[in-house]
């Protein structure tokens, strides 16, 4: 008889717009997202692969050309350097080509 595989917590969880917003900016402003603290970051890390495409879709709809907080935290090879523009940092990282 085939074995039933259990879904992970992130696969079972129902996410809402507050979760998307928190992955975009790193804060739970409205209290309906992942919350605050180390457990929240762990939950966001687990949810990022599940919600990644939806987060980028929201950025496209908003016509925003930035990377979300979660991308910098969980995917980027470097931490975000706030002393330079995001565009310049991404060019230095080789993620974005300079348009001269």
N, C-alpha and C. Protein backbone atom coordinates (compact mmCIF):
# COMPACT_ATOMS: atom_id res chain seq x y z
N UNK A 1 0.84 -1.18 0.00
CA UNK A 1 0.00 0.00 0.00
C UNK A 1 0.89 1.25 0.00
N UNK A 2 0.60 2.25 -0.87
CA UNK A 2 1.44 3.44 -0.92
C UNK A 2 1.37 4.24 0.38
N UNK A 3 2.46 4.83 0.68
CA UNK A 3 2.57 5.62 1.90
C UNK A 3 2.10 7.06 1.63
N UNK A 4 1.34 7.62 2.54
CA UNK A 4 0.85 8.99 2.41
C UNK A 4 1.92 9.92 2.97
N UNK A 5 2.35 10.86 2.14
CA UNK A 5 3.36 11.81 2.59
C UNK A 5 2.67 13.01 3.23
N UNK A 6 3.19 13.42 4.36
CA UNK A 6 2.65 14.57 5.06
C UNK A 6 3.17 15.84 4.42
N UNK A 7 2.34 16.84 4.39
CA UNK A 7 2.76 18.14 3.87
C UNK A 7 3.54 18.87 4.95
N UNK A 8 4.51 19.67 4.51
CA UNK A 8 5.26 20.48 5.47
C UNK A 8 4.36 21.59 5.98
N UNK A 9 4.80 22.23 7.05
CA UNK A 9 4.02 23.32 7.64
C UNK A 9 3.74 24.42 6.62
N UNK A 10 4.75 24.77 5.81
CA UNK A 10 4.56 25.84 4.83
C UNK A 10 3.60 25.43 3.72
N UNK A 11 3.51 24.14 3.42
CA UNK A 11 2.57 23.68 2.40
C UNK A 11 1.14 23.65 2.92
N UNK A 12 0.96 23.46 4.22
CA UNK A 12 -0.38 23.41 4.82
C UNK A 12 -0.91 24.80 5.14
N UNK A 13 -0.04 25.73 5.38
CA UNK A 13 -0.44 27.03 5.87
C UNK A 13 -1.15 27.84 4.78
N UNK A 14 -2.12 28.62 5.20
CA UNK A 14 -2.81 29.53 4.30
C UNK A 14 -2.21 30.91 4.51
N UNK A 15 -1.69 31.49 3.46
CA UNK A 15 -1.06 32.80 3.55
C UNK A 15 -2.00 33.87 3.05
N UNK A 16 -1.84 35.08 3.59
CA UNK A 16 -2.68 36.20 3.18
C UNK A 16 -1.81 37.38 2.75
N UNK A 17 -2.44 38.48 2.47
CA UNK A 17 -1.72 39.67 2.01
C UNK A 17 -0.74 40.21 3.02
N UNK A 18 -1.01 40.01 4.32
CA UNK A 18 -0.07 40.47 5.35
C UNK A 18 1.23 39.69 5.30
N UNK A 19 1.17 38.42 4.95
CA UNK A 19 2.38 37.62 4.81
C UNK A 19 3.20 38.13 3.62
N UNK A 20 2.51 38.45 2.53
CA UNK A 20 3.19 38.98 1.35
C UNK A 20 3.87 40.31 1.69
N UNK A 21 3.14 41.18 2.37
CA UNK A 21 3.70 42.49 2.75
C UNK A 21 4.94 42.33 3.62
N UNK A 22 4.89 41.37 4.55
CA UNK A 22 6.03 41.18 5.43
C UNK A 22 7.24 40.64 4.66
N UNK A 23 7.01 39.80 3.67
CA UNK A 23 8.12 39.34 2.84
C UNK A 23 8.66 40.47 1.96
N UNK A 24 7.81 41.43 1.62
CA UNK A 24 8.25 42.57 0.83
C UNK A 24 9.14 43.51 1.62
N UNK A 25 8.74 43.80 2.88
CA UNK A 25 9.46 44.85 3.62
C UNK A 25 10.08 44.39 4.93
N UNK A 26 9.83 43.17 5.37
CA UNK A 26 10.47 42.65 6.58
C UNK A 26 9.78 42.98 7.88
N UNK A 27 8.65 43.68 7.84
CA UNK A 27 7.95 44.09 9.06
C UNK A 27 6.51 43.61 9.05
N UNK A 28 6.01 43.30 10.24
CA UNK A 28 4.61 42.90 10.39
C UNK A 28 3.82 44.10 10.92
N UNK A 29 3.62 45.10 10.06
CA UNK A 29 2.98 46.34 10.47
C UNK A 29 1.56 46.15 10.99
N UNK A 30 0.81 45.24 10.39
CA UNK A 30 -0.61 45.10 10.69
C UNK A 30 -0.92 43.93 11.61
N UNK A 31 0.08 43.17 12.01
CA UNK A 31 -0.12 42.09 12.95
C UNK A 31 -0.76 40.84 12.39
N UNK A 32 -0.93 40.74 11.10
CA UNK A 32 -1.55 39.55 10.53
C UNK A 32 -0.58 38.69 9.74
N UNK A 33 0.71 39.01 9.83
CA UNK A 33 1.71 38.28 9.06
C UNK A 33 2.38 37.20 9.90
N UNK A 34 3.69 37.15 9.82
CA UNK A 34 4.46 36.13 10.52
C UNK A 34 4.77 36.51 11.96
N UNK A 35 4.60 37.77 12.31
CA UNK A 35 4.95 38.24 13.65
C UNK A 35 6.37 38.77 13.68
N UNK A 36 6.94 38.86 14.86
CA UNK A 36 8.30 39.38 15.04
C UNK A 36 9.17 38.34 15.73
N UNK A 37 10.47 38.51 15.62
CA UNK A 37 11.41 37.65 16.32
C UNK A 37 11.99 36.56 15.46
N UNK A 38 12.80 35.71 16.11
CA UNK A 38 13.51 34.65 15.42
C UNK A 38 12.57 33.61 14.81
N UNK A 39 11.48 33.30 15.51
CA UNK A 39 10.54 32.33 14.97
C UNK A 39 9.88 32.86 13.70
N UNK A 40 9.61 34.15 13.68
CA UNK A 40 9.00 34.76 12.49
C UNK A 40 9.94 34.65 11.30
N UNK A 41 11.23 34.91 11.51
CA UNK A 41 12.20 34.82 10.42
C UNK A 41 12.29 33.37 9.92
N UNK A 42 12.24 32.42 10.83
CA UNK A 42 12.26 31.01 10.42
C UNK A 42 11.02 30.67 9.60
N UNK A 43 9.86 31.18 10.02
CA UNK A 43 8.63 30.94 9.25
C UNK A 43 8.69 31.62 7.88
N UNK A 44 9.26 32.83 7.83
CA UNK A 44 9.38 33.54 6.56
C UNK A 44 10.33 32.79 5.62
N UNK A 45 11.42 32.27 6.17
CA UNK A 45 12.37 31.50 5.35
C UNK A 45 11.68 30.27 4.75
N UNK A 46 10.84 29.63 5.53
CA UNK A 46 10.13 28.44 5.06
C UNK A 46 9.07 28.81 4.02
N UNK A 47 8.44 29.97 4.18
CA UNK A 47 7.38 30.38 3.26
C UNK A 47 7.91 31.02 1.98
N UNK A 48 9.12 31.52 1.99
CA UNK A 48 9.66 32.26 0.85
C UNK A 48 9.58 31.46 -0.46
N UNK A 49 10.01 30.20 -0.51
CA UNK A 49 9.90 29.46 -1.78
C UNK A 49 8.45 29.29 -2.25
N UNK A 50 7.53 29.20 -1.30
CA UNK A 50 6.12 29.03 -1.64
C UNK A 50 5.53 30.33 -2.17
N UNK A 51 5.90 31.47 -1.58
CA UNK A 51 5.29 32.76 -1.90
C UNK A 51 6.13 33.63 -2.84
N UNK A 52 7.31 33.18 -3.19
CA UNK A 52 8.24 34.00 -3.98
C UNK A 52 7.59 34.61 -5.23
N UNK A 53 6.97 33.79 -6.03
CA UNK A 53 6.37 34.27 -7.28
C UNK A 53 5.25 35.28 -7.02
N UNK A 54 4.46 35.03 -5.98
CA UNK A 54 3.38 35.97 -5.65
C UNK A 54 3.95 37.31 -5.20
N UNK A 55 5.05 37.29 -4.44
CA UNK A 55 5.68 38.53 -3.99
C UNK A 55 6.19 39.32 -5.18
N UNK A 56 6.85 38.67 -6.12
CA UNK A 56 7.36 39.37 -7.30
C UNK A 56 6.21 39.87 -8.18
N UNK A 57 5.10 39.14 -8.20
CA UNK A 57 3.94 39.60 -8.96
C UNK A 57 3.39 40.90 -8.36
N UNK A 58 3.36 40.99 -7.04
CA UNK A 58 2.90 42.23 -6.38
C UNK A 58 3.82 43.39 -6.76
N UNK A 59 5.12 43.14 -6.79
CA UNK A 59 6.06 44.20 -7.19
C UNK A 59 5.81 44.64 -8.62
N UNK A 60 5.55 43.69 -9.51
CA UNK A 60 5.24 44.04 -10.90
C UNK A 60 3.97 44.88 -11.00
N UNK A 61 2.94 44.49 -10.25
CA UNK A 61 1.68 45.24 -10.26
C UNK A 61 1.86 46.65 -9.73
N UNK A 62 2.77 46.82 -8.78
CA UNK A 62 3.03 48.13 -8.20
C UNK A 62 4.03 48.93 -9.04
N UNK A 63 4.54 48.30 -10.10
CA UNK A 63 5.52 48.92 -10.98
C UNK A 63 6.75 49.37 -10.19
N UNK A 64 7.18 48.51 -9.29
CA UNK A 64 8.33 48.79 -8.43
C UNK A 64 9.52 47.99 -8.92
N UNK A 65 10.64 48.62 -9.00
CA UNK A 65 11.84 47.94 -9.50
C UNK A 65 12.86 47.72 -8.39
N UNK A 66 12.40 47.16 -7.29
CA UNK A 66 13.28 46.83 -6.19
C UNK A 66 13.19 45.34 -5.93
N UNK A 67 14.09 44.83 -5.13
CA UNK A 67 14.02 43.45 -4.68
C UNK A 67 13.37 43.45 -3.30
N UNK A 68 12.54 42.46 -3.02
CA UNK A 68 11.89 42.41 -1.71
C UNK A 68 12.88 42.08 -0.60
N UNK A 69 12.50 42.42 0.61
CA UNK A 69 13.32 42.16 1.79
C UNK A 69 13.70 40.68 1.85
N UNK A 70 12.75 39.79 1.58
CA UNK A 70 13.01 38.35 1.69
C UNK A 70 14.06 37.89 0.68
N UNK A 71 14.10 38.51 -0.50
CA UNK A 71 15.13 38.14 -1.47
C UNK A 71 16.51 38.47 -0.92
N UNK A 72 16.64 39.67 -0.36
CA UNK A 72 17.92 40.06 0.21
C UNK A 72 18.30 39.15 1.38
N UNK A 73 17.34 38.74 2.15
CA UNK A 73 17.61 37.94 3.35
C UNK A 73 17.88 36.47 3.03
N UNK A 74 17.13 35.90 2.09
CA UNK A 74 17.18 34.45 1.90
C UNK A 74 17.84 33.99 0.60
N UNK A 75 17.97 34.86 -0.40
CA UNK A 75 18.53 34.43 -1.69
C UNK A 75 19.83 35.11 -2.06
N UNK A 76 19.99 36.35 -1.70
CA UNK A 76 21.13 37.14 -2.14
C UNK A 76 22.44 36.59 -1.59
N UNK A 77 23.49 36.73 -2.37
CA UNK A 77 24.81 36.30 -1.92
C UNK A 77 25.43 37.31 -0.95
N UNK A 78 24.86 38.52 -0.89
CA UNK A 78 25.34 39.56 0.02
C UNK A 78 24.17 40.15 0.79
N UNK A 79 24.47 40.71 1.96
CA UNK A 79 23.45 41.44 2.69
C UNK A 79 23.26 42.79 2.02
N UNK A 80 22.09 43.36 2.20
CA UNK A 80 21.78 44.67 1.62
C UNK A 80 22.64 45.74 2.28
N UNK A 81 23.37 46.50 1.46
CA UNK A 81 24.19 47.61 1.92
C UNK A 81 23.38 48.89 1.74
N UNK A 82 22.86 49.41 2.83
CA UNK A 82 21.98 50.59 2.78
C UNK A 82 22.73 51.87 2.43
N UNK A 83 24.08 51.84 2.43
CA UNK A 83 24.85 53.05 2.15
C UNK A 83 24.92 53.35 0.65
N UNK A 84 24.55 52.39 -0.19
CA UNK A 84 24.52 52.62 -1.63
C UNK A 84 23.14 52.26 -2.16
N UNK A 85 22.85 52.68 -3.38
CA UNK A 85 21.53 52.37 -3.95
C UNK A 85 21.43 50.87 -4.23
N UNK A 86 20.23 50.39 -4.20
CA UNK A 86 19.99 48.98 -4.47
C UNK A 86 20.48 48.62 -5.88
N UNK A 87 20.23 49.50 -6.83
CA UNK A 87 20.66 49.28 -8.21
C UNK A 87 22.17 49.13 -8.29
N UNK A 88 22.92 50.04 -7.63
CA UNK A 88 24.38 49.97 -7.66
C UNK A 88 24.89 48.68 -7.01
N UNK A 89 24.26 48.29 -5.92
CA UNK A 89 24.70 47.07 -5.26
C UNK A 89 24.45 45.86 -6.14
N UNK A 90 23.33 45.83 -6.82
CA UNK A 90 23.02 44.70 -7.69
C UNK A 90 23.96 44.65 -8.89
N UNK A 91 24.37 45.81 -9.41
CA UNK A 91 25.35 45.84 -10.50
C UNK A 91 26.67 45.28 -10.01
N UNK A 92 27.10 45.69 -8.81
CA UNK A 92 28.35 45.18 -8.23
C UNK A 92 28.31 43.67 -8.01
N UNK A 93 27.11 43.16 -7.66
CA UNK A 93 26.94 41.74 -7.42
C UNK A 93 26.88 40.95 -8.72
N UNK A 94 26.65 41.63 -9.85
CA UNK A 94 26.54 40.95 -11.14
C UNK A 94 25.14 40.43 -11.42
N UNK A 95 24.17 40.89 -10.63
CA UNK A 95 22.77 40.46 -10.81
C UNK A 95 22.07 41.33 -11.84
N UNK A 96 22.57 42.54 -12.02
CA UNK A 96 21.94 43.51 -12.90
C UNK A 96 23.04 44.13 -13.77
N UNK A 97 22.73 44.31 -15.04
CA UNK A 97 23.70 44.94 -15.94
C UNK A 97 23.53 46.44 -15.91
N UNK A 98 24.63 47.14 -16.01
CA UNK A 98 24.59 48.60 -16.04
C UNK A 98 24.15 49.07 -17.43
N UNK A 99 23.17 49.95 -17.43
CA UNK A 99 22.68 50.51 -18.70
C UNK A 99 23.37 51.85 -18.93
N UNK A 100 24.40 51.84 -19.76
CA UNK A 100 25.16 53.08 -19.99
C UNK A 100 24.80 53.68 -21.31
